[in-house]
Amino acid sequence: MPPSRQVTRHTDLKPGDHISFYRDASPAFYLHHAIVVEVKPTELVIISFTNPSQDALFSSFASISSLSGNGGTKKSARILKEKISEREFKKETVYIYDYGKGESSNADTVIARAESVESGRIAWGEYSLASNNCEHFATWCKTGVRRSVQVETVATAATVAGVAGVGILAGLAYAFTRKNDSETTKERKY
């Protein structure tokens, strides 16, 4: 994933940009990702992949105006095209991802990918935090590859913690075994 930087004005963004922002009620580690499709003087239009059950928990941009959705129900994930007012944008911490030359598609292709899923021409599938979330969607729109660095980071941390945990357990088991061997040896001496 390319480096990101904070953006304080919506007019600093352009169509085809990959952005992320923290949702109001979410823990500090959860970023929601979207693609910018239009920048107007007083508002921003984005397309993102969302899970309505998480929307109930993590509201984003308090007065978002939903323009469309690809037929998602309350129980299923959906692609949303949303308007964000300049005032609401200023309340959020928003990041833009700076892809290097050759790392991403041009803006027209990025927007075409997002709109093809939003319109239902391309089926995106069910929401999965691990394999099909908002970051997978935004990264695919930008690069043509589904990827979530947030998921990869959590998986790596879990692996490291798991290996460390196994190491600690093995060490404790060894120490316990050595202690029992020592006690057994003492018993044999008597």
N, C-alpha and C. Protein backbone atom coordinates (compact mmCIF):
# COMPACT_ATOMS: atom_id res chain seq x y z
N MET A 1 0.86 -1.17 0.00
CA MET A 1 0.00 0.00 0.00
C MET A 1 0.91 1.23 0.00
N PRO A 2 0.55 2.19 -0.79
CA PRO A 2 1.35 3.41 -0.85
C PRO A 2 1.20 4.23 0.43
N PRO A 3 2.12 5.15 0.65
CA PRO A 3 2.00 6.00 1.83
C PRO A 3 0.75 6.88 1.74
N SER A 4 0.26 7.28 2.88
CA SER A 4 -0.90 8.16 2.90
C SER A 4 -0.52 9.46 3.60
N ARG A 5 -1.31 10.48 3.33
CA ARG A 5 -1.12 11.77 4.00
C ARG A 5 -2.49 12.37 4.26
N GLN A 6 -2.56 13.16 5.31
CA GLN A 6 -3.83 13.77 5.68
C GLN A 6 -4.19 14.89 4.72
N VAL A 7 -5.47 14.99 4.41
CA VAL A 7 -6.01 16.03 3.54
C VAL A 7 -7.02 16.83 4.38
N THR A 8 -6.89 18.15 4.39
CA THR A 8 -7.79 18.96 5.22
C THR A 8 -8.87 19.69 4.42
N ARG A 9 -8.69 19.75 3.11
CA ARG A 9 -9.71 20.40 2.26
C ARG A 9 -10.15 19.43 1.17
N HIS A 10 -11.44 19.30 0.99
CA HIS A 10 -11.94 18.36 -0.02
C HIS A 10 -11.52 18.78 -1.42
N THR A 11 -11.27 20.07 -1.61
CA THR A 11 -10.86 20.56 -2.94
C THR A 11 -9.42 20.19 -3.28
N ASP A 12 -8.68 19.63 -2.31
CA ASP A 12 -7.33 19.13 -2.59
C ASP A 12 -7.38 17.74 -3.24
N LEU A 13 -8.56 17.15 -3.26
CA LEU A 13 -8.73 15.82 -3.86
C LEU A 13 -9.16 15.96 -5.31
N LYS A 14 -8.98 14.85 -6.06
CA LYS A 14 -9.42 14.84 -7.45
C LYS A 14 -10.09 13.50 -7.76
N PRO A 15 -10.92 13.48 -8.79
CA PRO A 15 -11.57 12.22 -9.16
C PRO A 15 -10.54 11.11 -9.38
N GLY A 16 -10.87 9.93 -8.85
CA GLY A 16 -9.99 8.78 -8.96
C GLY A 16 -9.10 8.57 -7.75
N ASP A 17 -9.09 9.52 -6.81
CA ASP A 17 -8.27 9.37 -5.60
C ASP A 17 -8.83 8.29 -4.69
N HIS A 18 -7.94 7.58 -4.03
CA HIS A 18 -8.27 6.57 -3.01
C HIS A 18 -8.10 7.27 -1.67
N ILE A 19 -9.20 7.35 -0.91
CA ILE A 19 -9.14 8.01 0.40
C ILE A 19 -9.59 7.06 1.49
N SER A 20 -9.28 7.43 2.72
CA SER A 20 -9.78 6.69 3.88
C SER A 20 -10.03 7.69 5.00
N PHE A 21 -10.88 7.26 5.93
CA PHE A 21 -11.19 8.11 7.07
C PHE A 21 -11.64 7.23 8.22
N TYR A 22 -11.45 7.75 9.43
CA TYR A 22 -11.91 7.03 10.61
C TYR A 22 -13.40 7.24 10.76
N ARG A 23 -14.09 6.18 11.11
CA ARG A 23 -15.52 6.32 11.37
C ARG A 23 -15.68 6.83 12.79
N ASP A 24 -16.73 7.61 13.02
CA ASP A 24 -16.91 8.31 14.29
C ASP A 24 -16.77 7.42 15.52
N ALA A 25 -17.47 6.31 15.56
CA ALA A 25 -17.52 5.50 16.77
C ALA A 25 -16.55 4.32 16.75
N SER A 26 -15.72 4.24 15.72
CA SER A 26 -14.86 3.06 15.59
C SER A 26 -13.60 3.20 16.42
N PRO A 27 -12.96 2.06 16.68
CA PRO A 27 -11.65 2.12 17.33
C PRO A 27 -10.67 2.82 16.40
N ALA A 28 -9.59 3.31 16.95
CA ALA A 28 -8.62 4.11 16.19
C ALA A 28 -7.95 3.33 15.06
N PHE A 29 -8.06 2.01 15.04
CA PHE A 29 -7.37 1.24 14.01
C PHE A 29 -8.21 0.99 12.76
N TYR A 30 -9.47 1.35 12.77
CA TYR A 30 -10.36 1.01 11.67
C TYR A 30 -10.54 2.19 10.73
N LEU A 31 -10.08 2.07 9.50
CA LEU A 31 -10.26 3.10 8.48
C LEU A 31 -11.24 2.61 7.43
N HIS A 32 -12.15 3.49 7.02
CA HIS A 32 -13.07 3.18 5.93
C HIS A 32 -12.46 3.75 4.65
N HIS A 33 -12.47 2.98 3.56
CA HIS A 33 -11.85 3.38 2.29
C HIS A 33 -12.90 3.67 1.23
N ALA A 34 -12.58 4.61 0.35
CA ALA A 34 -13.52 5.00 -0.72
C ALA A 34 -12.75 5.54 -1.91
N ILE A 35 -13.46 5.68 -3.02
CA ILE A 35 -12.91 6.28 -4.24
C ILE A 35 -13.65 7.59 -4.49
N VAL A 36 -12.89 8.65 -4.75
CA VAL A 36 -13.47 9.95 -5.09
C VAL A 36 -13.91 9.89 -6.55
N VAL A 37 -15.18 10.24 -6.82
CA VAL A 37 -15.65 10.25 -8.20
C VAL A 37 -15.94 11.65 -8.71
N GLU A 38 -16.15 12.58 -7.79
CA GLU A 38 -16.42 13.95 -8.22
C GLU A 38 -16.08 14.92 -7.08
N VAL A 39 -15.46 16.05 -7.45
CA VAL A 39 -15.16 17.10 -6.48
C VAL A 39 -15.86 18.37 -6.95
N LYS A 40 -16.79 18.84 -6.11
CA LYS A 40 -17.54 20.07 -6.41
C LYS A 40 -17.10 21.13 -5.41
N PRO A 41 -17.39 22.40 -5.67
CA PRO A 41 -16.98 23.46 -4.74
C PRO A 41 -17.47 23.28 -3.31
N THR A 42 -18.65 22.72 -3.12
CA THR A 42 -19.20 22.58 -1.77
C THR A 42 -19.41 21.15 -1.32
N GLU A 43 -19.01 20.17 -2.13
CA GLU A 43 -19.20 18.78 -1.73
C GLU A 43 -18.28 17.85 -2.51
N LEU A 44 -18.20 16.64 -1.97
CA LEU A 44 -17.38 15.58 -2.53
C LEU A 44 -18.31 14.40 -2.78
N VAL A 45 -18.12 13.69 -3.90
CA VAL A 45 -18.90 12.49 -4.18
C VAL A 45 -17.93 11.31 -4.17
N ILE A 46 -18.29 10.29 -3.37
CA ILE A 46 -17.43 9.10 -3.25
C ILE A 46 -18.25 7.85 -3.53
N ILE A 47 -17.54 6.77 -3.86
CA ILE A 47 -18.15 5.44 -3.95
C ILE A 47 -17.36 4.54 -3.01
N SER A 48 -18.08 3.78 -2.19
CA SER A 48 -17.41 2.87 -1.26
C SER A 48 -18.23 1.60 -1.10
N PHE A 49 -17.58 0.58 -0.60
CA PHE A 49 -18.22 -0.70 -0.29
C PHE A 49 -18.49 -0.69 1.20
N THR A 50 -19.70 -0.97 1.58
CA THR A 50 -20.07 -0.86 2.98
C THR A 50 -20.90 -2.04 3.45
N ASN A 51 -20.83 -2.29 4.72
CA ASN A 51 -21.61 -3.33 5.35
C ASN A 51 -22.62 -2.64 6.26
N PRO A 52 -23.91 -2.68 5.93
CA PRO A 52 -24.91 -1.96 6.73
C PRO A 52 -24.89 -2.30 8.21
N SER A 53 -24.56 -3.52 8.57
CA SER A 53 -24.52 -3.85 10.00
C SER A 53 -23.41 -3.08 10.69
N GLN A 54 -22.31 -2.83 9.98
CA GLN A 54 -21.25 -2.00 10.56
C GLN A 54 -21.63 -0.53 10.52
N ASP A 55 -22.39 -0.12 9.51
CA ASP A 55 -22.82 1.27 9.44
C ASP A 55 -23.61 1.65 10.68
N ALA A 56 -24.39 0.71 11.19
CA ALA A 56 -25.17 0.99 12.39
C ALA A 56 -24.25 1.24 13.58
N LEU A 57 -23.11 0.56 13.59
CA LEU A 57 -22.16 0.72 14.69
C LEU A 57 -21.21 1.88 14.45
N PHE A 58 -20.76 2.03 13.21
CA PHE A 58 -19.75 3.03 12.89
C PHE A 58 -20.30 4.02 11.88
N SER A 59 -20.94 5.06 12.35
CA SER A 59 -21.49 6.04 11.41
C SER A 59 -20.36 6.87 10.83
N SER A 60 -20.43 7.18 9.56
CA SER A 60 -19.41 8.02 8.95
C SER A 60 -20.07 9.25 8.38
N PHE A 61 -19.42 10.38 8.55
CA PHE A 61 -19.94 11.64 8.05
C PHE A 61 -21.42 11.77 8.39
N ALA A 62 -21.70 12.39 9.48
CA ALA A 62 -23.04 12.44 10.07
C ALA A 62 -24.15 12.80 9.09
N SER A 63 -23.90 13.67 8.12
CA SER A 63 -25.00 14.04 7.22
C SER A 63 -24.71 13.66 5.78
N ILE A 64 -24.26 12.44 5.59
CA ILE A 64 -24.03 11.96 4.23
C ILE A 64 -25.37 11.83 3.51
N SER A 65 -25.36 12.20 2.27
CA SER A 65 -26.55 12.02 1.45
C SER A 65 -26.28 10.87 0.50
N SER A 66 -26.98 9.77 0.67
CA SER A 66 -26.77 8.61 -0.19
C SER A 66 -27.45 8.86 -1.54
N LEU A 67 -26.67 8.71 -2.59
CA LEU A 67 -27.21 8.91 -3.93
C LEU A 67 -27.76 7.63 -4.52
N SER A 68 -27.09 6.51 -4.22
CA SER A 68 -27.53 5.26 -4.81
C SER A 68 -26.95 4.08 -4.05
N GLY A 69 -27.44 2.92 -4.37
CA GLY A 69 -26.91 1.68 -3.82
C GLY A 69 -27.30 0.58 -4.77
N ASN A 70 -26.50 -0.46 -4.88
CA ASN A 70 -26.77 -1.49 -5.88
C ASN A 70 -27.72 -2.56 -5.38
N GLY A 71 -28.82 -2.14 -4.79
CA GLY A 71 -29.85 -3.09 -4.40
C GLY A 71 -29.55 -3.82 -3.11
N GLY A 72 -28.63 -3.34 -2.32
CA GLY A 72 -28.31 -4.01 -1.07
C GLY A 72 -29.47 -3.93 -0.09
N THR A 73 -29.66 -4.96 0.69
CA THR A 73 -30.67 -4.93 1.72
C THR A 73 -29.99 -4.56 3.03
N LYS A 74 -30.78 -4.44 4.10
CA LYS A 74 -30.19 -4.10 5.39
C LYS A 74 -29.22 -5.18 5.85
N LYS A 75 -29.40 -6.40 5.40
CA LYS A 75 -28.55 -7.49 5.85
C LYS A 75 -27.37 -7.74 4.93
N SER A 76 -27.37 -7.19 3.73
CA SER A 76 -26.27 -7.48 2.81
C SER A 76 -25.42 -6.24 2.58
N ALA A 77 -24.20 -6.48 2.18
CA ALA A 77 -23.29 -5.38 1.89
C ALA A 77 -23.71 -4.71 0.60
N ARG A 78 -23.26 -3.49 0.42
CA ARG A 78 -23.62 -2.78 -0.80
C ARG A 78 -22.56 -1.75 -1.15
N ILE A 79 -22.60 -1.36 -2.40
CA ILE A 79 -21.75 -0.28 -2.90
C ILE A 79 -22.59 0.98 -2.85
N LEU A 80 -22.05 2.03 -2.25
CA LEU A 80 -22.80 3.27 -2.12
C LEU A 80 -22.08 4.43 -2.80
N LYS A 81 -22.86 5.26 -3.45
CA LYS A 81 -22.37 6.52 -3.99
C LYS A 81 -22.92 7.59 -3.06
N GLU A 82 -22.05 8.37 -2.46
CA GLU A 82 -22.46 9.30 -1.42
C GLU A 82 -21.92 10.70 -1.65
N LYS A 83 -22.69 11.68 -1.21
CA LYS A 83 -22.25 13.08 -1.22
C LYS A 83 -21.81 13.44 0.19
N ILE A 84 -20.68 14.12 0.29
CA ILE A 84 -20.19 14.59 1.58
C ILE A 84 -20.04 16.10 1.47
N SER A 85 -20.73 16.82 2.34
CA SER A 85 -20.66 18.28 2.29
C SER A 85 -19.28 18.76 2.75
N GLU A 86 -18.93 19.95 2.32
CA GLU A 86 -17.66 20.55 2.72
C GLU A 86 -17.59 20.65 4.25
N ARG A 87 -18.70 21.03 4.88
CA ARG A 87 -18.74 21.17 6.34
C ARG A 87 -18.46 19.84 7.02
N GLU A 88 -19.08 18.75 6.56
CA GLU A 88 -18.85 17.44 7.16
C GLU A 88 -17.43 16.95 6.90
N PHE A 89 -16.90 17.23 5.73
CA PHE A 89 -15.54 16.82 5.40
C PHE A 89 -14.56 17.42 6.40
N LYS A 90 -14.76 18.67 6.76
CA LYS A 90 -13.85 19.37 7.67
C LYS A 90 -13.86 18.78 9.07
N LYS A 91 -14.91 18.05 9.44
CA LYS A 91 -15.01 17.44 10.76
C LYS A 91 -14.23 16.13 10.85
N GLU A 92 -13.87 15.56 9.70
CA GLU A 92 -13.25 14.25 9.66
C GLU A 92 -11.74 14.33 9.47
N THR A 93 -11.05 13.25 9.81
CA THR A 93 -9.63 13.09 9.50
C THR A 93 -9.59 12.21 8.26
N VAL A 94 -9.22 12.80 7.13
CA VAL A 94 -9.25 12.10 5.85
C VAL A 94 -7.82 11.96 5.32
N TYR A 95 -7.54 10.78 4.77
CA TYR A 95 -6.23 10.49 4.20
C TYR A 95 -6.36 10.18 2.71
N ILE A 96 -5.37 10.58 1.95
CA ILE A 96 -5.28 10.21 0.53
C ILE A 96 -4.07 9.30 0.39
N TYR A 97 -4.19 8.31 -0.48
CA TYR A 97 -3.08 7.38 -0.72
C TYR A 97 -2.33 7.84 -1.95
N ASP A 98 -1.03 8.01 -1.79
CA ASP A 98 -0.17 8.51 -2.86
C ASP A 98 0.49 7.33 -3.59
N TYR A 99 -0.14 6.90 -4.65
CA TYR A 99 0.41 5.81 -5.46
C TYR A 99 1.50 6.39 -6.36
N GLY A 100 2.58 5.66 -6.50
CA GLY A 100 3.67 6.10 -7.36
C GLY A 100 3.34 5.88 -8.82
N LYS A 101 4.18 6.43 -9.66
CA LYS A 101 4.00 6.28 -11.11
C LYS A 101 4.00 4.80 -11.48
N GLY A 102 2.99 4.38 -12.20
CA GLY A 102 2.89 2.98 -12.62
C GLY A 102 2.26 2.06 -11.60
N GLU A 103 1.97 2.56 -10.38
CA GLU A 103 1.37 1.72 -9.35
C GLU A 103 -0.15 1.68 -9.41
N SER A 104 -0.74 2.62 -10.15
CA SER A 104 -2.20 2.66 -10.20
C SER A 104 -2.68 2.97 -11.61
N SER A 105 -3.95 2.73 -11.81
CA SER A 105 -4.58 3.03 -13.09
C SER A 105 -4.88 4.53 -13.17
N ASN A 106 -5.19 4.99 -14.39
CA ASN A 106 -5.54 6.41 -14.54
C ASN A 106 -6.91 6.66 -13.92
N ALA A 107 -7.22 7.93 -13.67
CA ALA A 107 -8.46 8.31 -12.99
C ALA A 107 -9.71 7.79 -13.69
N ASP A 108 -9.74 7.85 -15.01
CA ASP A 108 -10.93 7.37 -15.75
C ASP A 108 -11.17 5.88 -15.50
N THR A 109 -10.11 5.08 -15.49
CA THR A 109 -10.24 3.64 -15.24
C THR A 109 -10.68 3.37 -13.82
N VAL A 110 -10.10 4.11 -12.86
CA VAL A 110 -10.46 3.95 -11.44
C VAL A 110 -11.95 4.22 -11.25
N ILE A 111 -12.42 5.33 -11.78
CA ILE A 111 -13.84 5.70 -11.65
C ILE A 111 -14.73 4.71 -12.39
N ALA A 112 -14.30 4.27 -13.57
CA ALA A 112 -15.09 3.29 -14.34
C ALA A 112 -15.24 1.99 -13.56
N ARG A 113 -14.18 1.54 -12.89
CA ARG A 113 -14.27 0.32 -12.08
C ARG A 113 -15.28 0.52 -10.95
N ALA A 114 -15.15 1.64 -10.22
CA ALA A 114 -16.05 1.91 -9.10
C ALA A 114 -17.50 1.99 -9.58
N GLU A 115 -17.73 2.70 -10.66
CA GLU A 115 -19.10 2.86 -11.17
C GLU A 115 -19.66 1.57 -11.75
N SER A 116 -18.80 0.71 -12.29
CA SER A 116 -19.29 -0.56 -12.84
C SER A 116 -19.79 -1.47 -11.73
N VAL A 117 -19.18 -1.41 -10.56
CA VAL A 117 -19.66 -2.19 -9.43
C VAL A 117 -20.89 -1.51 -8.83
N GLU A 118 -20.84 -0.19 -8.70
CA GLU A 118 -21.96 0.56 -8.13
C GLU A 118 -23.23 0.38 -8.95
N SER A 119 -23.11 0.31 -10.26
CA SER A 119 -24.28 0.14 -11.13
C SER A 119 -24.75 -1.30 -11.21
N GLY A 120 -23.95 -2.24 -10.73
CA GLY A 120 -24.32 -3.65 -10.78
C GLY A 120 -23.81 -4.38 -12.02
N ARG A 121 -23.08 -3.68 -12.91
CA ARG A 121 -22.53 -4.35 -14.10
C ARG A 121 -21.50 -5.40 -13.71
N ILE A 122 -20.79 -5.16 -12.63
CA ILE A 122 -19.84 -6.14 -12.09
C ILE A 122 -20.32 -6.50 -10.69
N ALA A 123 -20.50 -7.79 -10.44
CA ALA A 123 -20.92 -8.24 -9.11
C ALA A 123 -19.72 -8.22 -8.18
N TRP A 124 -19.87 -7.62 -7.03
CA TRP A 124 -18.74 -7.50 -6.11
C TRP A 124 -18.73 -8.59 -5.06
N GLY A 125 -19.87 -9.13 -4.69
CA GLY A 125 -19.90 -10.21 -3.71
C GLY A 125 -20.24 -9.73 -2.31
N GLU A 126 -20.34 -10.68 -1.41
CA GLU A 126 -20.70 -10.39 -0.02
C GLU A 126 -19.53 -9.79 0.73
N TYR A 127 -19.86 -9.02 1.73
CA TYR A 127 -18.86 -8.38 2.58
C TYR A 127 -18.18 -9.42 3.46
N SER A 128 -16.86 -9.35 3.52
CA SER A 128 -16.08 -10.18 4.42
C SER A 128 -14.95 -9.31 4.95
N LEU A 129 -14.90 -9.14 6.24
CA LEU A 129 -13.87 -8.31 6.84
C LEU A 129 -12.48 -8.79 6.42
N ALA A 130 -12.30 -10.10 6.31
CA ALA A 130 -10.99 -10.66 6.00
C ALA A 130 -10.64 -10.68 4.52
N SER A 131 -11.64 -10.81 3.63
CA SER A 131 -11.29 -11.01 2.22
C SER A 131 -12.05 -10.15 1.21
N ASN A 132 -13.00 -9.35 1.66
CA ASN A 132 -13.76 -8.53 0.72
C ASN A 132 -14.38 -7.34 1.46
N ASN A 133 -13.54 -6.38 1.82
CA ASN A 133 -14.03 -5.22 2.57
C ASN A 133 -13.83 -3.93 1.78
N CYS A 134 -14.07 -2.80 2.41
CA CYS A 134 -13.99 -1.50 1.72
C CYS A 134 -12.59 -1.21 1.19
N GLU A 135 -11.56 -1.66 1.90
CA GLU A 135 -10.19 -1.43 1.42
C GLU A 135 -9.89 -2.31 0.21
N HIS A 136 -10.37 -3.56 0.21
CA HIS A 136 -10.21 -4.41 -0.97
C HIS A 136 -10.83 -3.74 -2.19
N PHE A 137 -12.04 -3.17 -1.99
CA PHE A 137 -12.75 -2.50 -3.09
C PHE A 137 -11.96 -1.29 -3.61
N ALA A 138 -11.58 -0.39 -2.72
CA ALA A 138 -10.88 0.83 -3.15
C ALA A 138 -9.54 0.51 -3.80
N THR A 139 -8.81 -0.45 -3.25
CA THR A 139 -7.53 -0.82 -3.83
C THR A 139 -7.71 -1.45 -5.20
N TRP A 140 -8.74 -2.29 -5.35
CA TRP A 140 -9.03 -2.89 -6.66
C TRP A 140 -9.39 -1.81 -7.68
N CYS A 141 -10.21 -0.86 -7.27
CA CYS A 141 -10.57 0.23 -8.20
C CYS A 141 -9.31 0.96 -8.65
N LYS A 142 -8.40 1.18 -7.74
CA LYS A 142 -7.19 1.96 -8.03
C LYS A 142 -6.14 1.16 -8.81
N THR A 143 -5.98 -0.13 -8.49
CA THR A 143 -4.86 -0.91 -9.05
C THR A 143 -5.28 -2.13 -9.87
N GLY A 144 -6.53 -2.58 -9.72
CA GLY A 144 -6.95 -3.81 -10.38
C GLY A 144 -6.66 -5.04 -9.53
N VAL A 145 -6.14 -4.85 -8.31
CA VAL A 145 -5.81 -5.96 -7.40
C VAL A 145 -6.54 -5.75 -6.08
N ARG A 146 -7.25 -6.80 -5.62
CA ARG A 146 -7.93 -6.72 -4.31
C ARG A 146 -6.88 -6.90 -3.23
N ARG A 147 -6.80 -5.91 -2.32
CA ARG A 147 -5.82 -5.99 -1.24
C ARG A 147 -6.28 -5.13 -0.07
N SER A 148 -6.00 -5.61 1.13
CA SER A 148 -6.28 -4.84 2.34
C SER A 148 -5.07 -4.91 3.27
N VAL A 149 -4.37 -3.81 3.39
CA VAL A 149 -3.21 -3.75 4.27
C VAL A 149 -3.66 -3.88 5.73
N GLN A 150 -4.83 -3.36 6.05
CA GLN A 150 -5.33 -3.50 7.43
C GLN A 150 -5.47 -4.98 7.79
N VAL A 151 -6.03 -5.77 6.88
CA VAL A 151 -6.19 -7.21 7.13
C VAL A 151 -4.82 -7.88 7.21
N GLU A 152 -3.93 -7.53 6.29
CA GLU A 152 -2.58 -8.12 6.30
C GLU A 152 -1.84 -7.80 7.59
N THR A 153 -2.00 -6.59 8.09
CA THR A 153 -1.33 -6.18 9.32
C THR A 153 -1.86 -6.96 10.51
N VAL A 154 -3.17 -7.12 10.59
CA VAL A 154 -3.77 -7.88 11.68
C VAL A 154 -3.35 -9.35 11.59
N ALA A 155 -3.33 -9.91 10.38
CA ALA A 155 -2.93 -11.31 10.20
C ALA A 155 -1.48 -11.51 10.62
N THR A 156 -0.62 -10.58 10.25
CA THR A 156 0.79 -10.67 10.63
C THR A 156 0.94 -10.58 12.14
N ALA A 157 0.24 -9.63 12.76
CA ALA A 157 0.31 -9.48 14.21
C ALA A 157 -0.20 -10.74 14.91
N ALA A 158 -1.28 -11.32 14.39
CA ALA A 158 -1.82 -12.54 14.99
C ALA A 158 -0.83 -13.70 14.85
N THR A 159 -0.17 -13.77 13.71
CA THR A 159 0.83 -14.83 13.49
C THR A 159 1.99 -14.67 14.46
N VAL A 160 2.49 -13.43 14.58
CA VAL A 160 3.60 -13.17 15.49
C VAL A 160 3.19 -13.49 16.92
N ALA A 161 1.98 -13.03 17.30
CA ALA A 161 1.49 -13.31 18.65
C ALA A 161 1.32 -14.81 18.86
N GLY A 162 0.83 -15.49 17.82
CA GLY A 162 0.65 -16.94 17.92
C GLY A 162 1.98 -17.67 18.09
N VAL A 163 2.97 -17.26 17.31
CA VAL A 163 4.30 -17.88 17.41
C VAL A 163 4.90 -17.57 18.78
N ALA A 164 4.76 -16.32 19.22
CA ALA A 164 5.28 -15.95 20.53
C ALA A 164 4.56 -16.74 21.62
N GLY A 165 3.23 -16.87 21.46
CA GLY A 165 2.44 -17.61 22.44
C GLY A 165 2.85 -19.08 22.50
N VAL A 166 3.08 -19.67 21.33
CA VAL A 166 3.53 -21.07 21.28
C VAL A 166 4.90 -21.19 21.93
N GLY A 167 5.77 -20.22 21.67
CA GLY A 167 7.10 -20.23 22.29
C GLY A 167 7.03 -20.14 23.81
N ILE A 168 6.16 -19.28 24.29
CA ILE A 168 6.00 -19.13 25.74
C ILE A 168 5.45 -20.42 26.33
N LEU A 169 4.43 -20.99 25.68
CA LEU A 169 3.85 -22.25 26.18
C LEU A 169 4.88 -23.37 26.15
N ALA A 170 5.66 -23.43 25.09
CA ALA A 170 6.69 -24.46 25.00
C ALA A 170 7.72 -24.28 26.12
N GLY A 171 8.09 -23.03 26.36
CA GLY A 171 9.05 -22.75 27.44
C GLY A 171 8.49 -23.15 28.80
N LEU A 172 7.23 -22.82 29.04
CA LEU A 172 6.60 -23.20 30.31
C LEU A 172 6.50 -24.71 30.44
N ALA A 173 6.12 -25.37 29.35
CA ALA A 173 6.02 -26.83 29.38
C ALA A 173 7.37 -27.45 29.66
N TYR A 174 8.41 -26.92 29.03
CA TYR A 174 9.77 -27.44 29.26
C TYR A 174 10.17 -27.23 30.71
N ALA A 175 9.93 -26.02 31.23
CA ALA A 175 10.29 -25.73 32.61
C ALA A 175 9.54 -26.64 33.57
N PHE A 176 8.25 -26.84 33.31
CA PHE A 176 7.43 -27.69 34.16
C PHE A 176 7.94 -29.13 34.10
N THR A 177 8.26 -29.59 32.89
CA THR A 177 8.77 -30.95 32.71
C THR A 177 10.09 -31.11 33.45
N ARG A 178 10.98 -30.13 33.33
CA ARG A 178 12.28 -30.19 34.01
C ARG A 178 12.08 -30.22 35.52
N LYS A 179 11.12 -29.43 36.01
CA LYS A 179 10.85 -29.40 37.45
C LYS A 179 10.36 -30.77 37.89
N ASN A 180 9.43 -31.36 37.14
CA ASN A 180 8.91 -32.68 37.48
C ASN A 180 9.99 -33.74 37.39
N ASP A 181 10.88 -33.65 36.37
CA ASP A 181 11.98 -34.60 36.25
C ASP A 181 12.89 -34.50 37.46
N SER A 182 13.14 -33.27 37.91
CA SER A 182 14.00 -33.04 39.06
C SER A 182 13.38 -33.64 40.31
N GLU A 183 12.05 -33.43 40.48
CA GLU A 183 11.37 -34.00 41.65
C GLU A 183 11.35 -35.52 41.58
N THR A 184 11.17 -36.10 40.41
CA THR A 184 11.17 -37.55 40.24
C THR A 184 12.54 -38.11 40.56
N THR A 185 13.58 -37.39 40.10
CA THR A 185 14.95 -37.84 40.38
C THR A 185 15.20 -37.83 41.89
N LYS A 186 14.73 -36.77 42.56
CA LYS A 186 14.91 -36.68 44.02
C LYS A 186 14.21 -37.85 44.69
N GLU A 187 13.00 -38.17 44.20
CA GLU A 187 12.25 -39.27 44.80
C GLU A 187 13.01 -40.59 44.63
N ARG A 188 13.68 -40.74 43.51
CA ARG A 188 14.42 -41.99 43.26
C ARG A 188 15.64 -42.10 44.18
N LYS A 189 16.22 -40.99 44.55
CA LYS A 189 17.41 -41.02 45.41
C LYS A 189 17.06 -41.48 46.82
N TYR A 190 15.88 -41.26 47.26
CA TYR A 190 15.50 -41.64 48.61
C TYR A 190 15.25 -43.08 48.64
